[in-house]
Every structure is written in structure tokens, then in C-alpha cells.
């Protein structure tokens, strides 16, 4: 779709035009009309051979870049993000960068946090300055090709102290985790049962190593929703914490319960059962 026209009461309010490259990737977008965002703002976009967006630049109708609305992205050969840049002034300079690092399993191990964020907005065109975070900030002058409403836009990068905020956030998260998780885990661990197996079969022991459920099953899996999936005589069923068969071993295949339901199979067909095996 290359163009969309928005109308109200027969009057065209906004026309959005989009262009794509030979691989159908968005290359540019622009809007004009009474309801156009920031009156005449458009954007250009770039992509790499894998189809990943590498940059996005917003600009006014006269091609001047929109302050604070420029983005860049970098990736490694497997598609992991390696770098970002955001912000920028009207000449494209002053972008804030952040680096990303991934291990050989494509898991992110650390990343940078920029030391500022952009505050963007619109204000009355009659006002010459705006107060952002307690500090006056002059609005960016606009050339004559822009409408009067555009002179009301403003942008300011607000600096933040990363170290203190980061340490406080980490401390708060760890404290919350300890307060919420440790008492529950301590209480739960004393009642938890663990799978044990040897040449006799599979059974369950408690936290002290005492055998609670004898090793009489061919297969056994951890308890979930107070039931454990077991195999007996080459069929799957479920037992309770006392070792009692709650749902007879009558299924060709099965998975553990989760939130009251378990997937089971017979004759190659899968379905779900609840704890009453209905």
C-alpha cells in the first residue's frame, strides 16, 4: 500500500505516502495535510540484507531532521543487536549510543544505558520558551516553509545519573526478591519431593533424603500442581504426594499438569484432562 488518504465530511484531513525498496521493506514515509503529525513530518528508513531495520530518520517538510527522533541499530552476523544510537539534533549529530554484548548462545550478557533521554512535545506557538525539568528551553526556530504550528515543537535531552539509579534499582529488586521468594521457598522446600532413580525404577525422596514414594515406576517427573507424571507398564498416569495413583496410567503420552490441565494422548490424538481425568 503506497498511499492512504484520511477524510472527514468530504474534506481530506491527511495523506500518508509510503515507499518501499525492491524487497518490500519500508524505505520512507511522509504525511501532509491539516491533521498530519507535526505538519509535514516524514521519515526515511534503512535495512540490512537480513531485513533488519538499521536506521530511522524523521524530518520536516524541508528535509531538516527532527530533533530527538533519529535512531540507528547495529547487528552481528547472526542478528544479535550490537549497537543503538538515538536522539540527535537538526544536523544529525549528538546521538547517544549504547553497546550490546551477546555470548555464543546469542544471549545478551550486558548492555550500556545512555545518560539522557529526550523530552519531546508541542506548545503554543506564541510562547518563545518552554520549561523542561525545571529549566527554560528555547523552541527550535522553523524556516518559512513550515507552518506556524511547527514553531511550537520543542525537544530537550534530560541527563540522568545512571550509577546511583542503577545500584538502587538492583538493590531494590534483590531485596524484593529475597523478601518475597525466600520465605516461600524455605517453606516449600521442606515439603518438596525429588525424583530418584536406580536399577529398580523411579521413585521420590524428600529434602532429607528419605524415600517417600518407592521406586516402582518406569518413569517419573517433578510434581506440578501437586501431581507428578509417571509411567507404569508403558502407560502414563499421575500420582499424588503420598504415592497414590490419582489418575490411572492409561495414556500413550502425557505432559505434566499446569494450572489445572494436562495434555494427554491416546491412539495418536492429543487432548487435555483436568484433575478428575474428564
Protein backbone atom coordinates (compact mmCIF):
# COMPACT_ATOMS: atom_id res chain seq x y z
CA UNK A 1 0.00 0.00 0.00
CA UNK A 2 1.64 3.17 -1.19
CA UNK A 3 -0.80 5.87 -0.13
CA UNK A 4 -3.56 6.33 2.43
CA UNK A 5 -5.96 9.28 2.42
CA UNK A 6 -7.89 10.24 5.55
CA UNK A 7 -11.04 12.31 5.13
CA UNK A 8 -13.77 13.72 7.34
CA UNK A 9 -17.03 15.13 6.00
CA UNK A 10 -15.70 15.01 2.47
CA UNK A 11 -12.60 17.05 3.35
CA UNK A 12 -9.17 15.44 3.12
CA UNK A 13 -7.52 15.68 6.50
CA UNK A 14 -4.26 13.86 5.89
CA UNK A 15 -2.47 11.91 3.17
CA UNK A 16 0.24 9.42 4.09
CA UNK A 17 2.61 8.20 1.39
CA UNK A 18 4.93 5.22 1.81
CA UNK A 19 7.71 3.95 -0.41
CA UNK A 20 9.31 0.51 -0.33
CA UNK A 21 12.51 -0.99 -1.71
CA UNK A 22 12.75 -3.95 -4.11
CA UNK A 23 12.40 -6.38 -1.17
CA UNK A 24 9.20 -4.67 0.03
CA UNK A 25 10.92 -3.10 3.03
CA UNK A 26 9.71 0.33 4.17
CA UNK A 27 12.09 2.97 2.84
CA UNK A 28 10.25 6.21 3.59
CA UNK A 29 7.00 7.58 4.94
CA UNK A 30 5.56 11.09 4.85
CA UNK A 31 2.29 12.77 5.78
CA UNK A 32 0.74 16.02 4.60
CA UNK A 33 -2.50 17.80 5.36
CA UNK A 34 -4.30 19.50 8.22
CA UNK A 35 -4.04 16.52 10.56
CA UNK A 36 -0.52 15.44 9.62
CA UNK A 37 1.72 14.75 12.62
CA UNK A 38 3.80 17.84 13.29
CA UNK A 39 2.61 19.26 9.95
CA UNK A 40 4.75 17.81 7.19
CA UNK A 41 6.91 15.42 9.17
CA UNK A 42 8.23 12.39 7.29
CA UNK A 43 10.73 9.62 7.77
CA UNK A 44 13.31 7.56 5.94
CA UNK A 45 14.33 4.05 6.94
CA UNK A 46 17.23 1.73 6.15
CA UNK A 47 17.53 -2.06 6.33
CA UNK A 48 20.35 -4.58 6.14
CA UNK A 49 20.43 -7.69 3.87
CA UNK A 50 18.63 -9.69 6.59
CA UNK A 51 15.68 -7.27 6.58
CA UNK A 52 16.55 -5.75 9.96
CA UNK A 53 15.88 -2.02 10.32
CA UNK A 54 19.24 -0.25 10.73
CA UNK A 55 18.13 3.37 10.94
CA UNK A 56 15.16 5.68 11.05
CA UNK A 57 15.36 9.42 10.47
CA UNK A 58 12.41 11.77 10.88
CA UNK A 59 12.49 15.06 9.05
CA UNK A 60 10.40 18.16 8.42
CA UNK A 61 8.97 19.08 5.02
CA UNK A 62 12.16 21.00 4.17
CA UNK A 63 14.26 17.84 4.96
CA UNK A 64 15.67 19.28 8.21
CA UNK A 65 15.97 16.46 10.73
CA UNK A 66 13.58 16.41 13.68
CA UNK A 67 15.48 16.83 16.93
CA UNK A 68 15.43 13.82 19.22
CA UNK A 69 13.76 11.50 16.69
CA UNK A 70 16.66 9.77 14.97
CA UNK A 71 17.57 6.13 15.52
CA UNK A 72 20.29 3.71 14.43
CA UNK A 73 20.71 -0.03 15.05
CA UNK A 74 23.65 -2.39 14.50
CA UNK A 75 23.62 -6.19 14.39
CA UNK A 76 26.15 -9.01 14.20
CA UNK A 77 26.08 -11.72 11.53
CA UNK A 78 23.58 -13.83 13.48
CA UNK A 79 21.13 -10.97 14.05
CA UNK A 80 22.05 -10.04 17.63
CA UNK A 81 21.85 -6.32 18.34
CA UNK A 82 25.31 -4.84 18.91
CA UNK A 83 24.71 -1.09 19.00
CA UNK A 84 21.99 1.55 19.14
CA UNK A 85 22.00 5.32 18.75
CA UNK A 86 19.13 7.67 19.46
CA UNK A 87 18.29 11.35 19.82
CA UNK A 88 20.22 13.70 17.57
CA UNK A 89 19.98 17.37 16.67
CA UNK A 90 18.78 19.02 13.44
CA UNK A 91 22.08 18.21 11.71
CA UNK A 92 22.11 14.54 12.73
CA UNK A 93 24.82 14.92 15.36
CA UNK A 94 24.71 14.28 19.10
CA UNK A 95 23.20 10.80 19.06
CA UNK A 96 23.50 8.82 22.30
CA UNK A 97 24.96 5.37 21.78
CA UNK A 98 24.60 2.10 23.65
CA UNK A 99 26.51 -1.13 23.05
CA UNK A 100 25.09 -4.65 23.42
CA UNK A 101 27.11 -7.81 24.05
CA UNK A 102 25.91 -11.37 23.40
CA UNK A 103 27.56 -14.71 24.14
CA UNK A 104 27.95 -17.66 21.75
CA UNK A 105 24.39 -18.77 22.57
CA UNK A 106 23.02 -15.41 21.38
CA UNK A 107 22.12 -14.46 24.95
CA UNK A 108 22.70 -10.81 25.92
CA UNK A 109 25.19 -10.60 28.77
CA UNK A 110 25.34 -6.82 29.22
CA UNK A 111 24.38 -3.54 27.61
CA UNK A 112 25.05 0.18 28.02
CA UNK A 113 22.46 2.62 29.33
CA UNK A 114 22.54 6.13 27.78
CA UNK A 115 22.97 9.00 30.24
CA UNK A 116 19.99 11.01 28.97
CA UNK A 117 16.52 10.74 27.47
CA UNK A 118 14.57 13.03 25.16
CA UNK A 119 11.58 15.12 26.19
CA UNK A 120 9.53 15.99 23.10
CA UNK A 121 6.34 17.98 22.79
CA UNK A 122 4.24 20.72 21.31
CA UNK A 123 3.36 24.05 22.90
CA UNK A 124 1.64 27.29 22.00
CA UNK A 125 3.34 28.93 19.05
CA UNK A 126 3.08 32.30 20.85
CA UNK A 127 5.47 31.18 23.59
CA UNK A 128 9.20 31.59 22.98
CA UNK A 129 10.42 29.17 25.68
CA UNK A 130 9.27 26.06 27.49
CA UNK A 131 10.29 24.80 30.94
CA UNK A 132 11.50 21.21 30.83
CA UNK A 133 12.52 19.54 34.09
CA UNK A 134 12.64 22.94 35.80
CA UNK A 135 14.89 24.53 33.17
CA UNK A 136 13.81 27.01 30.44
CA UNK A 137 14.40 25.79 26.91
CA UNK A 138 14.03 27.80 23.71
CA UNK A 139 11.94 26.25 21.00
CA UNK A 140 13.72 25.39 17.78
CA UNK A 141 13.19 28.07 15.12
CA UNK A 142 11.50 26.84 11.96
CA UNK A 143 12.08 28.03 8.40
CA UNK A 144 9.40 29.78 6.38
CA UNK A 145 8.39 26.61 4.53
CA UNK A 146 6.96 25.22 7.75
CA UNK A 147 3.60 26.21 9.10
CA UNK A 148 3.27 28.38 12.17
CA UNK A 149 2.20 25.41 14.28
CA UNK A 150 5.61 23.83 13.77
CA UNK A 151 7.31 26.61 15.69
CA UNK A 152 5.62 25.20 18.78
CA UNK A 153 7.61 21.95 18.84
CA UNK A 154 10.43 21.52 21.37
CA UNK A 155 12.99 18.90 22.34
CA UNK A 156 15.35 18.61 25.27
CA UNK A 157 17.71 15.84 26.36
CA UNK A 158 17.47 15.31 30.13
CA UNK A 159 20.60 13.96 31.80
CA UNK A 160 20.23 11.18 34.36
CA UNK A 161 22.60 9.74 36.92
CA UNK A 162 22.92 6.12 35.88
CA UNK A 163 25.14 4.65 38.59
CA UNK A 164 23.10 5.64 41.61
CA UNK A 165 19.79 4.82 39.96
CA UNK A 166 21.10 1.51 38.69
CA UNK A 167 22.51 0.47 42.05
CA UNK A 168 19.33 1.47 43.84
CA UNK A 169 17.20 -0.41 41.30
CA UNK A 170 19.34 -3.54 41.60
CA UNK A 171 19.32 -3.33 45.40
CA UNK A 172 15.54 -2.85 45.47
CA UNK A 173 14.99 -5.77 43.10
CA UNK A 174 17.25 -8.09 45.09
CA UNK A 175 15.64 -7.05 48.38
CA UNK A 176 12.15 -7.60 46.98
CA UNK A 177 13.18 -10.99 45.57
CA UNK A 178 14.64 -12.10 48.91
CA UNK A 179 11.63 -10.92 50.91
CA UNK A 180 9.10 -12.45 48.52
CA UNK A 181 10.91 -15.62 47.45
CA UNK A 182 12.97 -16.82 50.41
CA UNK A 183 10.21 -17.43 52.98
CA UNK A 184 8.05 -19.19 50.38
CA UNK A 185 10.94 -21.23 49.07
CA UNK A 186 12.07 -22.25 52.57
CA UNK A 187 8.57 -23.43 53.44
CA UNK A 188 8.10 -25.16 50.11
CA UNK A 189 11.49 -26.92 50.14
CA UNK A 190 10.59 -28.85 53.30
CA UNK A 191 7.55 -30.31 51.53
CA UNK A 192 9.13 -30.78 48.12
CA UNK A 193 9.66 -34.24 46.66
CA UNK A 194 12.52 -35.08 44.32
CA UNK A 195 12.81 -37.70 41.61
CA UNK A 196 15.26 -40.55 42.32
CA UNK A 197 16.03 -43.50 40.06
CA UNK A 198 18.18 -46.64 40.02
CA UNK A 199 18.04 -50.13 38.58
CA UNK A 200 14.79 -50.78 40.49
CA UNK A 201 12.92 -47.89 38.90
CA UNK A 202 11.87 -44.34 39.65
CA UNK A 203 10.61 -43.01 43.00
CA UNK A 204 10.65 -39.86 45.12
CA UNK A 205 12.55 -38.66 48.19
CA UNK A 206 12.06 -35.65 50.49
CA UNK A 207 14.57 -32.91 51.35
CA UNK A 208 16.26 -35.13 53.96
CA UNK A 209 16.86 -37.97 51.50
CA UNK A 210 14.16 -40.22 52.94
CA UNK A 211 12.32 -42.35 50.38
CA UNK A 212 8.69 -41.21 50.42
CA UNK A 213 7.43 -42.96 47.29
CA UNK A 214 9.11 -46.29 46.44
CA UNK A 215 10.92 -46.80 43.15
CA UNK A 216 8.17 -48.70 41.39
CA UNK A 217 7.67 -46.62 38.25
CA UNK A 218 9.32 -46.86 34.85
CA UNK A 219 9.45 -43.07 34.51
CA UNK A 220 8.76 -40.20 36.89
CA UNK A 221 8.74 -36.42 36.59
CA UNK A 222 8.72 -33.50 39.08
CA UNK A 223 5.49 -32.57 40.82
CA UNK A 224 3.43 -29.82 39.22
CA UNK A 225 0.05 -28.70 40.54
CA UNK A 226 0.54 -31.31 43.32
CA UNK A 227 0.57 -34.18 40.81
CA UNK A 228 3.51 -36.00 39.24
CA UNK A 229 3.53 -37.60 35.80
CA UNK A 230 4.65 -41.25 35.93
CA UNK A 231 4.84 -44.24 33.62
CA UNK A 232 3.76 -47.74 34.67
CA UNK A 233 3.51 -50.73 32.35
CA UNK A 234 4.34 -48.46 29.43
CA UNK A 235 1.38 -46.15 30.08
CA UNK A 236 1.28 -42.66 31.60
CA UNK A 237 -0.71 -41.54 34.62
CA UNK A 238 -0.46 -39.21 37.64
CA UNK A 239 0.23 -39.71 41.35
CA UNK A 240 -0.25 -37.55 44.44
CA UNK A 241 2.39 -36.70 47.02
CA UNK A 242 1.56 -39.82 49.04
CA UNK A 243 2.29 -42.02 46.02
CA UNK A 244 -1.36 -42.85 45.46
CA UNK A 245 -2.48 -43.19 41.85
CA UNK A 246 -4.78 -40.21 41.28
CA UNK A 247 -5.25 -40.64 37.52
CA UNK A 248 -4.68 -44.23 36.29
CA UNK A 249 -1.80 -44.95 33.92
CA UNK A 250 -3.87 -45.32 30.79
CA UNK A 251 -2.39 -42.85 28.29
CA UNK A 252 0.06 -43.43 25.44
CA UNK A 253 1.57 -39.97 26.01
CA UNK A 254 1.20 -37.18 28.54
CA UNK A 255 2.76 -34.00 29.94
CA UNK A 256 2.70 -32.50 33.43
CA UNK A 257 -0.22 -30.51 34.80
CA UNK A 258 -0.13 -26.74 34.57
CA UNK A 259 -2.86 -24.55 36.04
CA UNK A 260 -5.26 -27.46 36.33
CA UNK A 261 -4.85 -29.04 32.89
CA UNK A 262 -2.52 -31.64 31.37
CA UNK A 263 -2.04 -32.68 27.70
CA UNK A 264 -2.56 -36.42 27.12
CA UNK A 265 -2.61 -38.67 24.06
CA UNK A 266 -4.19 -41.94 23.02
CA UNK A 267 -4.14 -43.55 19.56
CA UNK A 268 -2.12 -40.60 18.25
CA UNK A 269 -4.71 -37.99 19.24
CA UNK A 270 -3.94 -35.29 21.84
CA UNK A 271 -6.31 -33.56 24.20
CA UNK A 272 -6.48 -32.10 27.72
CA UNK A 273 -7.69 -33.52 31.01
CA UNK A 274 -8.34 -31.90 34.37
CA UNK A 275 -7.57 -33.49 37.73
CA UNK A 276 -10.70 -35.60 37.55
CA UNK A 277 -9.44 -37.02 34.21
CA UNK A 278 -12.60 -35.86 32.43
